[in-house]
Amino acid sequence: MIRCFQVLLVWTGAFFTVLNASESAVRVVSQTVGSDELLLALARPEQVAALSHLAAAPEYSVVAREAAAYPRLTPGGDSETILQHRPTLVLFADYSRAELVAQVRRAGVEVIVFDRYATLADVYANLRTLGRALGGDAEKRADELIARCEARMVVLREKLRGVRPVKVVSGTTYGLLAGAGTTFQDLCDHAGAENLATTLGGLSGHAPEPSEKMLGWPVEQVVIGLDTASPGRTDDGPVARERALAPLLKIPPYMFMESVKQGRAVVLPAAYLGCVSHLRINGYEALARALHPEAMR
């Protein structure tokens, strides 16, 4: 029996890549920053039809530079702004607008809604789900990426073994403090930090700041997210620290806190503080280096 296979030769700039027909036909639109980061990690460039409207914003996206090369959705757009990119697959999250997800489904387009992203195990499951949907060798790429992530986590856990957790809070101008069940708590759990909003404040989620109580907390470092031009690196230099602390020095309770007045702050790219993809490991490592420089050598 003679079997015929349809293939597509794709010029990548240096050589041709052979794709099977089903793999080359996949066109993916990502509607959220988290799914942008998953998609760019696994998909071939020609499979990316469009990314979220925040994909190239460094304050939200860890892959902002890479994402700038792709089309992006219109902010607050309807299903037509998605369907105009002729997707075969659209990536949503459980916080995406329900009517938008329903409209895309009614158009006959395959949809994946990511609804678990609190832990690395959740992220790994999402990577495998997306790898299967992309076809070709994407599932293999997902497994290889997960293996690299796990290898980094083994090294990180070993370096932080036995360190004393540094007492921290997240510093923002929004009047809210990140407690249990947040991406900031996840960051602390993996970087040798004790989030006082959880352990002393008993807060869950993003809750109003207990201003008076915070003044009595033994805060050693305030962790601040800064919109930097170079997400992906710890930005804890004096200039960045001064810029990040400036607004906090004008508002209570931070203006009265010794840690803030003395400039005891760790400044990270803002995108790390809300990252829900595998790239959160970059944030773990960056915060750990800032809090435990000796251990992280």
Protein backbone atom coordinates (compact mmCIF):
# COMPACT_ATOMS: atom_id res chain seq x y z
CA MET A 1 0.00 0.00 0.00
CA ILE A 2 1.31 3.42 -0.92
CA ARG A 3 0.57 6.12 1.64
CA CYS A 4 0.64 9.78 0.66
CA PHE A 5 1.30 12.56 3.12
CA GLN A 6 0.69 16.24 2.60
CA VAL A 7 3.59 18.35 3.78
CA LEU A 8 4.37 22.04 3.87
CA LEU A 9 7.86 23.51 3.55
CA VAL A 10 8.22 26.60 5.74
CA TRP A 11 11.19 28.95 5.33
CA THR A 12 12.50 29.89 8.79
CA GLY A 13 15.21 32.26 7.61
CA ALA A 14 18.02 29.72 7.46
CA PHE A 15 16.44 26.46 6.36
CA PHE A 16 13.15 24.85 5.45
CA THR A 17 11.08 23.14 8.15
CA VAL A 18 8.80 20.31 7.10
CA LEU A 19 5.33 20.42 8.65
CA ASN A 20 2.56 17.94 8.11
CA ALA A 21 -0.70 19.37 6.78
CA SER A 22 -2.61 19.16 10.05
CA GLU A 23 0.14 20.93 11.99
CA SER A 24 0.51 23.72 9.46
CA ALA A 25 -3.27 24.28 9.39
CA VAL A 26 -3.40 25.17 13.09
CA ARG A 27 -3.98 28.90 13.69
CA VAL A 28 -4.19 29.95 17.32
CA VAL A 29 -5.50 33.13 18.91
CA SER A 30 -4.62 33.70 22.56
CA GLN A 31 -6.92 35.98 24.54
CA THR A 32 -4.95 36.26 27.81
CA VAL A 33 -1.39 37.05 28.81
CA GLY A 34 -0.98 33.68 30.55
CA SER A 35 -1.97 31.77 27.44
CA ASP A 36 0.27 34.05 25.33
CA GLU A 37 3.24 32.84 27.35
CA LEU A 38 2.25 29.19 26.97
CA LEU A 39 1.61 29.56 23.25
CA LEU A 40 4.90 31.28 22.44
CA ALA A 41 6.75 28.55 24.36
CA LEU A 42 5.28 25.72 22.28
CA ALA A 43 3.91 26.93 18.95
CA ARG A 44 5.71 27.41 15.70
CA PRO A 45 5.60 31.07 14.60
CA GLU A 46 3.24 30.33 11.71
CA GLN A 47 0.74 28.77 14.14
CA VAL A 48 0.34 32.04 16.09
CA ALA A 49 -2.54 33.99 14.53
CA ALA A 50 -2.82 36.65 17.24
CA LEU A 51 -2.00 37.32 20.89
CA SER A 52 -3.82 39.20 23.63
CA HIS A 53 -3.94 42.99 23.57
CA LEU A 54 -1.57 43.07 26.57
CA ALA A 55 0.96 40.64 25.11
CA ALA A 56 3.54 43.32 24.31
CA ALA A 57 3.04 45.32 27.53
CA PRO A 58 6.10 44.65 29.76
CA GLU A 59 4.21 45.48 32.96
CA TYR A 60 1.98 42.45 32.33
CA SER A 61 3.83 40.11 29.99
CA VAL A 62 7.14 38.37 30.63
CA VAL A 63 7.43 37.76 26.86
CA ALA A 64 6.61 41.33 25.80
CA ARG A 65 9.56 41.67 23.45
CA GLU A 66 8.88 38.41 21.63
CA ALA A 67 5.15 39.11 21.50
CA ALA A 68 5.68 42.46 19.78
CA ALA A 69 6.39 40.60 16.52
CA TYR A 70 2.86 39.14 16.33
CA PRO A 71 -0.61 40.57 15.65
CA ARG A 72 -2.55 41.45 18.79
CA LEU A 73 -6.24 41.59 19.61
CA THR A 74 -8.13 44.85 20.00
CA PRO A 75 -8.68 45.84 23.67
CA GLY A 76 -12.22 44.95 24.78
CA GLY A 77 -13.00 43.54 21.37
CA ASP A 78 -15.88 41.23 20.51
CA SER A 79 -15.82 37.82 18.86
CA GLU A 80 -15.38 39.40 15.42
CA THR A 81 -12.01 40.81 16.45
CA ILE A 82 -10.95 37.25 17.24
CA LEU A 83 -12.56 35.53 14.25
CA GLN A 84 -11.03 37.97 11.76
CA HIS A 85 -7.72 36.21 12.40
CA ARG A 86 -9.24 32.95 11.05
CA PRO A 87 -8.31 30.83 14.09
CA THR A 88 -8.75 27.09 14.34
CA LEU A 89 -8.17 27.30 18.09
CA VAL A 90 -8.73 30.09 20.63
CA LEU A 91 -7.20 30.12 24.11
CA PHE A 92 -9.21 31.64 26.96
CA ALA A 93 -9.06 31.60 30.78
CA ASP A 94 -11.89 31.18 33.24
CA TYR A 95 -11.87 34.94 33.80
CA SER A 96 -12.48 35.65 30.10
CA ARG A 97 -15.94 37.02 29.33
CA ALA A 98 -18.36 34.08 29.21
CA GLU A 99 -20.37 35.51 26.31
CA LEU A 100 -17.17 35.95 24.28
CA VAL A 101 -16.20 32.31 24.80
CA ALA A 102 -19.74 31.21 23.85
CA GLN A 103 -19.75 33.30 20.67
CA VAL A 104 -16.46 31.84 19.47
CA ARG A 105 -17.71 28.33 20.19
CA ARG A 106 -20.91 29.00 18.24
CA ALA A 107 -18.75 30.00 15.30
CA GLY A 108 -17.45 26.43 15.25
CA VAL A 109 -13.95 27.24 16.46
CA GLU A 110 -12.23 24.94 18.95
CA VAL A 111 -11.77 26.56 22.35
CA ILE A 112 -9.56 25.78 25.33
CA VAL A 113 -10.43 27.51 28.62
CA PHE A 114 -7.61 27.32 31.15
CA ASP A 115 -9.17 27.26 34.61
CA ARG A 116 -6.32 25.98 36.77
CA TYR A 117 -3.05 27.91 37.04
CA ALA A 118 -2.38 28.32 40.78
CA THR A 119 0.53 25.88 40.92
CA LEU A 120 3.35 24.64 38.71
CA ALA A 121 1.53 21.31 38.45
CA ASP A 122 -1.42 23.21 36.97
CA VAL A 123 0.91 24.97 34.54
CA TYR A 124 2.45 21.68 33.44
CA ALA A 125 -1.02 20.27 32.77
CA ASN A 126 -1.84 23.36 30.70
CA LEU A 127 1.35 22.97 28.69
CA ARG A 128 0.53 19.35 27.92
CA THR A 129 -3.05 20.24 26.94
CA LEU A 130 -1.84 22.93 24.57
CA GLY A 131 0.90 20.69 23.18
CA ARG A 132 -1.69 18.06 22.21
CA ALA A 133 -3.89 20.68 20.59
CA LEU A 134 -1.04 22.14 18.52
CA GLY A 135 -0.10 18.76 17.11
CA GLY A 136 3.17 17.71 15.51
CA ASP A 137 6.07 17.75 17.93
CA ALA A 138 4.50 20.36 20.24
CA GLU A 139 3.63 17.72 22.82
CA LYS A 140 7.27 16.66 22.87
CA ARG A 141 8.33 20.29 23.25
CA ALA A 142 5.94 20.60 26.19
CA ASP A 143 7.47 17.59 27.92
CA GLU A 144 10.99 18.91 27.30
CA LEU A 145 10.05 22.34 28.68
CA ILE A 146 8.50 20.78 31.78
CA ALA A 147 11.65 18.73 32.34
CA ARG A 148 13.79 21.88 32.15
CA CYS A 149 11.46 23.66 34.57
CA GLU A 150 11.62 20.80 37.04
CA ALA A 151 15.42 20.71 36.81
CA ARG A 152 15.53 24.41 37.70
CA MET A 153 13.18 23.86 40.61
CA VAL A 154 15.35 21.05 41.98
CA VAL A 155 18.36 23.39 41.96
CA LEU A 156 16.37 26.24 43.51
CA ARG A 157 14.96 24.09 46.32
CA GLU A 158 18.42 22.74 47.11
CA LYS A 159 19.97 26.22 47.27
CA LEU A 160 17.22 27.50 49.57
CA ARG A 161 17.27 24.49 51.84
CA GLY A 162 17.58 25.67 55.45
CA VAL A 163 17.46 29.42 54.78
CA ARG A 164 15.48 31.64 57.14
CA PRO A 165 12.48 33.06 55.28
CA VAL A 166 12.70 36.83 54.91
CA LYS A 167 9.60 38.66 56.16
CA VAL A 168 8.01 40.60 53.29
CA VAL A 169 4.86 42.29 52.04
CA SER A 170 3.92 43.37 48.54
CA GLY A 171 3.93 47.13 48.14
CA THR A 172 1.36 48.77 45.84
CA THR A 173 -0.52 52.04 45.55
CA TYR A 174 -3.89 50.31 45.09
CA GLY A 175 -4.79 50.00 48.77
CA LEU A 176 -4.78 46.21 48.51
CA LEU A 177 -2.43 43.62 49.95
CA ALA A 178 -1.75 40.19 48.43
CA GLY A 179 -2.43 37.34 50.85
CA ALA A 180 -2.97 33.60 50.58
CA GLY A 181 -4.02 32.16 47.25
CA THR A 182 -2.35 34.86 45.14
CA THR A 183 0.51 34.77 42.67
CA PHE A 184 2.52 36.81 45.18
CA GLN A 185 2.02 34.11 47.82
CA ASP A 186 3.18 31.52 45.30
CA LEU A 187 6.25 33.64 44.62
CA CYS A 188 7.05 33.83 48.34
CA ASP A 189 6.51 30.11 48.86
CA HIS A 190 9.21 29.30 46.30
CA ALA A 191 11.73 32.06 47.01
CA GLY A 192 12.45 31.79 50.73
CA ALA A 193 10.04 34.53 51.82
CA GLU A 194 7.34 34.81 54.47
CA ASN A 195 4.36 36.82 53.31
CA LEU A 196 3.26 38.67 56.45
CA ALA A 197 -0.10 39.52 54.90
CA THR A 198 -0.85 35.80 55.18
CA THR A 199 0.96 34.75 58.35
CA LEU A 200 0.22 37.82 60.52
CA GLY A 201 -2.64 39.49 58.68
CA GLY A 202 -4.60 36.33 57.90
CA LEU A 203 -5.50 37.81 54.52
CA SER A 204 -6.69 35.81 51.53
CA GLY A 205 -6.68 37.01 47.97
CA HIS A 206 -6.18 40.73 47.36
CA ALA A 207 -7.69 42.37 50.44
CA PRO A 208 -7.81 45.93 51.79
CA GLU A 209 -4.64 46.87 53.66
CA PRO A 210 -4.99 46.64 57.46
CA SER A 211 -3.00 49.87 57.72
CA GLU A 212 -2.71 50.16 61.50
CA LYS A 213 -1.77 46.52 61.96
CA MET A 214 0.85 46.74 59.20
CA LEU A 215 2.74 49.36 61.18
CA GLY A 216 3.44 46.72 63.82
CA TRP A 217 4.56 44.02 61.42
CA PRO A 218 8.31 43.22 61.35
CA VAL A 219 8.67 43.85 57.60
CA GLU A 220 12.23 43.23 56.46
CA GLN A 221 11.73 43.89 52.77
CA VAL A 222 8.92 45.35 50.67
CA VAL A 223 8.56 43.64 47.29
CA ILE A 224 7.56 46.05 44.53
CA GLY A 225 6.77 45.44 40.89
CA LEU A 226 8.21 47.99 38.49
CA ASP A 227 7.35 48.49 34.83
CA THR A 228 10.82 48.02 33.43
CA ALA A 229 12.02 48.07 29.86
CA SER A 230 13.71 44.71 30.38
CA PRO A 231 11.34 42.19 31.96
CA GLY A 232 13.12 38.95 32.70
CA ARG A 233 15.83 40.34 34.98
CA THR A 234 15.86 41.30 38.64
CA ASP A 235 15.93 45.08 38.68
CA ASP A 236 17.00 45.89 42.21
CA GLY A 237 19.55 48.63 41.55
CA PRO A 238 19.49 51.90 43.51
CA VAL A 239 17.82 53.91 40.72
CA ALA A 240 15.05 51.38 40.23
CA ARG A 241 14.56 51.04 43.97
CA GLU A 242 14.27 54.80 44.40
CA ARG A 243 11.76 55.04 41.54
CA ALA A 244 9.68 52.17 42.90
CA LEU A 245 9.66 53.48 46.47
CA ALA A 246 8.80 57.09 45.59
CA PRO A 247 5.00 56.66 45.41
CA LEU A 248 4.92 54.54 48.60
CA LEU A 249 6.71 57.28 50.54
CA LYS A 250 3.67 59.49 49.94
CA ILE A 251 0.90 57.20 51.17
CA PRO A 252 0.04 55.47 54.46
CA PRO A 253 0.85 53.02 55.85
CA TYR A 254 4.04 52.72 53.78
CA MET A 255 5.24 56.26 54.47
CA PHE A 256 5.42 55.36 58.17
CA MET A 257 7.03 51.93 57.78
CA GLU A 258 10.72 51.71 58.71
CA SER A 259 11.44 49.28 55.87
CA VAL A 260 10.18 51.80 53.32
CA LYS A 261 11.83 54.82 54.94
CA GLN A 262 15.13 52.93 55.04
CA GLY A 263 14.81 51.81 51.43
CA ARG A 264 14.61 48.11 52.22
CA ALA A 265 12.88 46.97 49.06
CA VAL A 266 13.23 44.32 46.37
CA VAL A 267 12.20 45.56 42.94
CA LEU A 268 11.12 42.99 40.37
CA PRO A 269 9.71 43.36 36.86
CA ALA A 270 6.00 43.85 37.46
CA ALA A 271 5.12 41.00 35.12
CA TYR A 272 6.66 38.50 37.54
CA LEU A 273 4.21 39.37 40.31
CA GLY A 274 1.19 38.24 38.32
CA CYS A 275 2.69 35.52 36.14
CA VAL A 276 0.54 32.38 35.83
CA SER A 277 2.68 30.46 33.33
CA HIS A 278 5.88 28.42 33.65
CA LEU A 279 7.78 31.73 33.48
CA ARG A 280 6.89 32.30 37.13
CA ILE A 281 10.07 30.32 37.83
CA ASN A 282 12.02 33.35 36.59
CA GLY A 283 10.30 35.30 39.36
CA TYR A 284 11.08 32.65 41.98
CA GLU A 285 14.76 32.80 41.08
CA ALA A 286 14.88 36.60 40.90
CA LEU A 287 13.28 37.09 44.31
CA ALA A 288 15.42 34.34 45.84
CA ARG A 289 18.60 36.00 44.50
CA ALA A 290 17.55 39.33 46.02
CA LEU A 291 16.61 37.90 49.42
CA HIS A 292 19.28 35.19 49.72
CA PRO A 293 22.28 36.26 47.64
CA GLU A 294 24.72 34.01 49.49
CA ALA A 295 22.60 30.90 49.11
CA MET A 296 21.90 31.62 45.44
CA ARG A 297 25.51 31.86 44.35
